[in-house]
N, C-alpha and C. Protein backbone atom coordinates (compact mmCIF):
# COMPACT_ATOMS: atom_id res chain seq x y z
N MET A 1 20.19 -82.65 -20.45
CA MET A 1 21.59 -82.44 -20.17
C MET A 1 22.43 -83.56 -20.77
N ALA A 2 21.97 -84.78 -20.64
CA ALA A 2 22.71 -85.92 -21.19
C ALA A 2 22.90 -85.75 -22.70
N ALA A 3 21.86 -85.33 -23.38
CA ALA A 3 21.96 -85.14 -24.84
C ALA A 3 22.96 -84.05 -25.17
N ASP A 4 22.97 -82.96 -24.40
CA ASP A 4 23.93 -81.87 -24.62
C ASP A 4 25.37 -82.35 -24.47
N LEU A 5 25.57 -83.30 -23.57
CA LEU A 5 26.92 -83.81 -23.31
C LEU A 5 27.28 -85.01 -24.19
N GLY A 6 26.29 -85.51 -24.94
CA GLY A 6 26.55 -86.64 -25.81
C GLY A 6 26.69 -87.96 -25.07
N ILE A 7 25.97 -88.08 -23.97
CA ILE A 7 26.02 -89.31 -23.18
C ILE A 7 24.60 -89.84 -22.98
N SER A 8 24.51 -91.04 -22.48
CA SER A 8 23.19 -91.62 -22.25
C SER A 8 22.58 -91.06 -20.96
N GLU A 9 21.27 -91.14 -20.88
CA GLU A 9 20.56 -90.73 -19.66
C GLU A 9 21.06 -91.54 -18.46
N ALA A 10 21.29 -92.83 -18.69
CA ALA A 10 21.75 -93.70 -17.60
C ALA A 10 23.11 -93.26 -17.07
N THR A 11 24.00 -92.86 -17.97
CA THR A 11 25.31 -92.40 -17.54
C THR A 11 25.18 -91.14 -16.71
N TYR A 12 24.38 -90.20 -17.19
CA TYR A 12 24.20 -88.95 -16.46
C TYR A 12 23.56 -89.20 -15.09
N THR A 13 22.57 -90.06 -15.06
CA THR A 13 21.92 -90.40 -13.80
C THR A 13 22.90 -91.02 -12.81
N SER A 14 23.81 -91.85 -13.32
CA SER A 14 24.81 -92.47 -12.44
C SER A 14 25.76 -91.42 -11.87
N TRP A 15 26.04 -90.37 -12.63
CA TRP A 15 26.87 -89.27 -12.11
C TRP A 15 26.12 -88.54 -11.00
N GLU A 16 24.86 -88.24 -11.27
CA GLU A 16 24.06 -87.50 -10.29
C GLU A 16 23.90 -88.27 -8.98
N SER A 17 23.77 -89.57 -9.09
CA SER A 17 23.55 -90.38 -7.89
C SER A 17 24.86 -90.74 -7.18
N GLY A 18 25.99 -90.44 -7.79
CA GLY A 18 27.28 -90.74 -7.18
C GLY A 18 27.76 -92.17 -7.42
N GLN A 19 27.05 -92.91 -8.28
CA GLN A 19 27.45 -94.29 -8.58
C GLN A 19 28.63 -94.33 -9.54
N ALA A 20 28.82 -93.26 -10.29
CA ALA A 20 29.94 -93.18 -11.24
C ALA A 20 30.36 -91.72 -11.34
N GLU A 21 31.53 -91.50 -11.92
CA GLU A 21 32.04 -90.15 -12.12
C GLU A 21 32.50 -90.00 -13.55
N PRO A 22 32.38 -88.79 -14.10
CA PRO A 22 32.87 -88.57 -15.46
C PRO A 22 34.40 -88.65 -15.47
N TRP A 23 34.94 -89.03 -16.61
CA TRP A 23 36.39 -89.09 -16.75
C TRP A 23 36.75 -88.79 -18.19
N GLY A 24 37.99 -88.48 -18.43
CA GLY A 24 38.50 -88.24 -19.77
C GLY A 24 37.68 -87.22 -20.53
N GLU A 25 37.27 -87.59 -21.72
CA GLU A 25 36.52 -86.67 -22.59
C GLU A 25 35.20 -86.25 -21.95
N GLN A 26 34.59 -87.15 -21.20
CA GLN A 26 33.33 -86.81 -20.52
C GLN A 26 33.56 -85.67 -19.53
N LEU A 27 34.64 -85.75 -18.79
CA LEU A 27 34.98 -84.72 -17.81
C LEU A 27 35.25 -83.39 -18.51
N TYR A 28 35.99 -83.45 -19.61
CA TYR A 28 36.27 -82.25 -20.40
C TYR A 28 34.97 -81.63 -20.91
N ASN A 29 34.08 -82.45 -21.47
CA ASN A 29 32.82 -81.94 -22.01
C ASN A 29 31.94 -81.33 -20.93
N LEU A 30 31.92 -81.95 -19.78
CA LEU A 30 31.12 -81.43 -18.67
C LEU A 30 31.67 -80.07 -18.22
N ALA A 31 32.97 -79.96 -18.05
CA ALA A 31 33.59 -78.69 -17.66
C ALA A 31 33.34 -77.63 -18.72
N HIS A 32 33.49 -78.00 -19.97
CA HIS A 32 33.27 -77.07 -21.08
C HIS A 32 31.82 -76.58 -21.10
N HIS A 33 30.89 -77.48 -20.88
CA HIS A 33 29.47 -77.12 -20.89
C HIS A 33 29.17 -76.04 -19.86
N PHE A 34 29.76 -76.17 -18.67
CA PHE A 34 29.52 -75.21 -17.60
C PHE A 34 30.54 -74.08 -17.58
N LYS A 35 31.45 -74.08 -18.59
CA LYS A 35 32.49 -73.05 -18.71
C LYS A 35 33.34 -72.96 -17.44
N LEU A 36 33.75 -74.14 -16.97
CA LEU A 36 34.58 -74.25 -15.78
C LEU A 36 35.88 -74.96 -16.12
N PRO A 37 36.93 -74.68 -15.38
CA PRO A 37 38.14 -75.50 -15.54
C PRO A 37 37.87 -76.89 -14.95
N ILE A 38 38.53 -77.88 -15.47
CA ILE A 38 38.34 -79.24 -14.98
C ILE A 38 38.64 -79.31 -13.48
N ALA A 39 39.59 -78.50 -13.01
CA ALA A 39 39.93 -78.49 -11.58
C ALA A 39 38.71 -78.19 -10.71
N ALA A 40 37.80 -77.38 -11.22
CA ALA A 40 36.61 -77.04 -10.44
C ALA A 40 35.73 -78.27 -10.20
N LEU A 41 35.77 -79.21 -11.10
CA LEU A 41 34.98 -80.42 -10.96
C LEU A 41 35.69 -81.48 -10.12
N LEU A 42 37.01 -81.41 -10.06
CA LEU A 42 37.79 -82.43 -9.38
C LEU A 42 38.16 -82.07 -7.94
N ASP A 43 38.27 -80.79 -7.65
CA ASP A 43 38.79 -80.35 -6.36
C ASP A 43 37.67 -79.79 -5.49
N ASP A 44 37.41 -80.44 -4.37
CA ASP A 44 36.37 -79.96 -3.44
C ASP A 44 36.72 -78.59 -2.87
N ASN A 45 38.00 -78.25 -2.87
CA ASN A 45 38.44 -76.98 -2.32
C ASN A 45 38.61 -75.89 -3.37
N PHE A 46 38.15 -76.14 -4.58
CA PHE A 46 38.28 -75.15 -5.65
C PHE A 46 37.56 -73.87 -5.24
N ASP A 47 38.25 -72.75 -5.36
CA ASP A 47 37.70 -71.46 -4.96
C ASP A 47 37.06 -70.79 -6.18
N TYR A 48 35.77 -71.03 -6.36
CA TYR A 48 35.06 -70.51 -7.52
C TYR A 48 34.99 -68.98 -7.51
N GLU A 49 34.85 -68.39 -6.34
CA GLU A 49 34.81 -66.93 -6.24
C GLU A 49 36.13 -66.33 -6.74
N LEU A 50 37.24 -66.92 -6.34
CA LEU A 50 38.55 -66.45 -6.79
C LEU A 50 38.68 -66.64 -8.30
N TYR A 51 38.22 -67.76 -8.80
CA TYR A 51 38.25 -68.02 -10.23
C TYR A 51 37.50 -66.93 -10.99
N LEU A 52 36.31 -66.56 -10.52
CA LEU A 52 35.54 -65.51 -11.17
C LEU A 52 36.25 -64.17 -11.11
N MET A 53 36.89 -63.88 -9.98
CA MET A 53 37.64 -62.63 -9.86
C MET A 53 38.77 -62.56 -10.86
N VAL A 54 39.47 -63.68 -11.05
CA VAL A 54 40.57 -63.73 -12.02
C VAL A 54 40.04 -63.52 -13.43
N LEU A 55 38.94 -64.18 -13.77
CA LEU A 55 38.37 -64.01 -15.10
C LEU A 55 37.94 -62.57 -15.34
N LYS A 56 37.34 -61.95 -14.35
CA LYS A 56 36.91 -60.55 -14.48
C LYS A 56 38.12 -59.64 -14.66
N ALA A 57 39.18 -59.90 -13.88
CA ALA A 57 40.39 -59.10 -13.97
C ALA A 57 41.05 -59.22 -15.34
N ARG A 58 40.97 -60.40 -15.93
CA ARG A 58 41.53 -60.63 -17.25
C ARG A 58 40.63 -60.09 -18.37
N GLY A 59 39.41 -59.77 -18.00
CA GLY A 59 38.46 -59.30 -19.00
C GLY A 59 37.89 -60.41 -19.86
N THR A 60 37.94 -61.64 -19.34
CA THR A 60 37.44 -62.78 -20.11
C THR A 60 36.08 -63.26 -19.63
N LEU A 61 35.47 -62.49 -18.74
CA LEU A 61 34.15 -62.87 -18.25
C LEU A 61 33.15 -61.81 -18.59
């Protein structure tokens, strides 16, 4: 996963362990990799089910 995102293993491990968080371009790349809006990664209350419904309604999923 780290290689796919263009980051070091140590950086990715620090994200997984909660010692650090992605920011800037790293955050964008992570969201892009999972095909999510950045808000989904930042907001604990992000409604993923609603997001999927909107994408389906738009025909983009």
